[in-house]
Amino acid sequence: MTLGLPVQFLVRAVAIVAGLTMLLVVNVRGVAFYLAWSLIGLAFLSEAASTFVFWQRGRTVRRPARRPPRG
């Protein structure tokens, strides 16, 4: 059960937590270092992209459907 949270949010949260945990636990060298920062970076970039799409969709004017003329 997702507790009402979007799946994208949960994926980003797991990526951030996994990346930060790797940075804390693993000796900060080599492949693990780059993998941890990649997880954090990808989560950040996907959040930025989704925010941009949200803003763009909010800017579009939603006009009600036109009624046909009476007569």
C-alpha atoms as a PDB file:
ATOM      1  CA  MET A   1       0.000   0.000   0.000  1.00  0.00           C
ATOM      2  CA  THR A   2       1.389   3.410  -0.946  1.00  0.00           C
ATOM      3  CA  LEU A   3      -0.436   5.382   1.767  1.00  0.00           C
ATOM      4  CA  GLY A   4      -1.756   7.803  -0.831  1.00  0.00           C
ATOM      5  CA  LEU A   5       1.716   8.896  -1.961  1.00  0.00           C
ATOM      6  CA  PRO A   6       2.608   8.882  -5.652  1.00  0.00           C
ATOM      7  CA  VAL A   7       4.958   6.091  -6.706  1.00  0.00           C
ATOM      8  CA  GLN A   8       7.399   8.629  -8.184  1.00  0.00           C
ATOM      9  CA  PHE A   9       7.788  10.250  -4.783  1.00  0.00           C
ATOM     10  CA  LEU A  10       8.548   6.935  -3.131  1.00  0.00           C
ATOM     11  CA  VAL A  11      11.131   6.034  -5.790  1.00  0.00           C
ATOM     12  CA  ARG A  12      12.883   9.395  -5.346  1.00  0.00           C
ATOM     13  CA  ALA A  13      12.840   9.083  -1.567  1.00  0.00           C
ATOM     14  CA  VAL A  14      14.350   5.597  -1.700  1.00  0.00           C
ATOM     15  CA  ALA A  15      17.055   6.791  -4.113  1.00  0.00           C
ATOM     16  CA  ILE A  16      17.983   9.699  -1.840  1.00  0.00           C
ATOM     17  CA  VAL A  17      18.024   7.577   1.314  1.00  0.00           C
ATOM     18  CA  ALA A  18      20.023   4.807  -0.382  1.00  0.00           C
ATOM     19  CA  GLY A  19      22.548   7.307  -1.742  1.00  0.00           C
ATOM     20  CA  LEU A  20      22.994   9.060   1.589  1.00  0.00           C
ATOM     21  CA  THR A  21      23.277   5.752   3.426  1.00  0.00           C
ATOM     22  CA  MET A  22      25.944   4.594   0.992  1.00  0.00           C
ATOM     23  CA  LEU A  23      27.877   7.804   1.559  1.00  0.00           C
ATOM     24  CA  LEU A  24      27.694   7.322   5.330  1.00  0.00           C
ATOM     25  CA  VAL A  25      28.425   3.606   5.512  1.00  0.00           C
ATOM     26  CA  VAL A  26      30.778   2.916   2.604  1.00  0.00           C
ATOM     27  CA  ASN A  27      34.307   4.220   2.520  1.00  0.00           C
ATOM     28  CA  VAL A  28      33.838   7.235   0.257  1.00  0.00           C
ATOM     29  CA  ARG A  29      35.996   6.070  -2.639  1.00  0.00           C
ATOM     30  CA  GLY A  30      35.662   4.329  -5.949  1.00  0.00           C
ATOM     31  CA  VAL A  31      32.548   3.044  -7.632  1.00  0.00           C
ATOM     32  CA  ALA A  32      30.346   3.205  -4.526  1.00  0.00           C
ATOM     33  CA  PHE A  33      31.011   6.944  -4.239  1.00  0.00           C
ATOM     34  CA  TYR A  34      29.930   7.587  -7.824  1.00  0.00           C
ATOM     35  CA  LEU A  35      26.957   5.246  -7.521  1.00  0.00           C
ATOM     36  CA  ALA A  36      25.743   7.027  -4.379  1.00  0.00           C
ATOM     37  CA  TRP A  37      26.025  10.460  -5.959  1.00  0.00           C
ATOM     38  CA  SER A  38      24.395   9.169  -9.141  1.00  0.00           C
ATOM     39  CA  LEU A  39      21.363   8.012  -7.156  1.00  0.00           C
ATOM     40  CA  ILE A  40      21.106  11.380  -5.425  1.00  0.00           C
ATOM     41  CA  GLY A  41      21.658  13.304  -8.672  1.00  0.00           C
ATOM     42  CA  LEU A  42      19.092  11.313 -10.637  1.00  0.00           C
ATOM     43  CA  ALA A  43      16.501  11.780  -7.905  1.00  0.00           C
ATOM     44  CA  PHE A  44      17.176  15.516  -7.914  1.00  0.00           C
ATOM     45  CA  LEU A  45      17.015  15.803 -11.721  1.00  0.00           C
ATOM     46  CA  SER A  46      13.794  13.802 -11.932  1.00  0.00           C
ATOM     47  CA  GLU A  47      12.258  16.049  -9.262  1.00  0.00           C
ATOM     48  CA  ALA A  48      13.352  19.139 -11.195  1.00  0.00           C
ATOM     49  CA  ALA A  49      11.878  17.737 -14.422  1.00  0.00           C
ATOM     50  CA  SER A  50       8.570  16.877 -12.775  1.00  0.00           C
ATOM     51  CA  THR A  51       8.380  20.328 -11.191  1.00  0.00           C
ATOM     52  CA  PHE A  52       9.007  21.935 -14.588  1.00  0.00           C
ATOM     53  CA  VAL A  53       6.249  19.840 -16.199  1.00  0.00           C
ATOM     54  CA  PHE A  54       3.888  20.713 -13.347  1.00  0.00           C
ATOM     55  CA  TRP A  55       4.566  24.432 -13.829  1.00  0.00           C
ATOM     56  CA  GLN A  56       4.089  24.188 -17.594  1.00  0.00           C
ATOM     57  CA  ARG A  57       0.786  22.382 -17.196  1.00  0.00           C
ATOM     58  CA  GLY A  58      -0.326  25.003 -14.694  1.00  0.00           C
ATOM     59  CA  ARG A  59       0.332  27.779 -17.190  1.00  0.00           C
ATOM     60  CA  THR A  60      -1.941  26.356 -19.860  1.00  0.00           C
ATOM     61  CA  VAL A  61      -5.284  28.076 -19.809  1.00  0.00           C
ATOM     62  CA  ARG A  62      -8.100  25.662 -19.255  1.00  0.00           C
ATOM     63  CA  ARG A  63     -11.104  27.087 -20.978  1.00  0.00           C
ATOM     64  CA  PRO A  64     -14.523  25.523 -20.571  1.00  0.00           C
ATOM     65  CA  ALA A  65     -15.993  23.820 -23.611  1.00  0.00           C
ATOM     66  CA  ARG A  66     -17.860  26.200 -25.904  1.00  0.00           C
ATOM     67  CA  ARG A  67     -21.584  25.831 -26.054  1.00  0.00           C
ATOM     68  CA  PRO A  68     -23.182  25.779 -29.460  1.00  0.00           C
ATOM     69  CA  PRO A  69     -25.145  28.939 -30.251  1.00  0.00           C
ATOM     70  CA  ARG A  70     -28.825  28.841 -29.458  1.00  0.00           C
ATOM     71  CA  GLY A  71     -31.192  29.191 -32.235  1.00  0.00           C
END
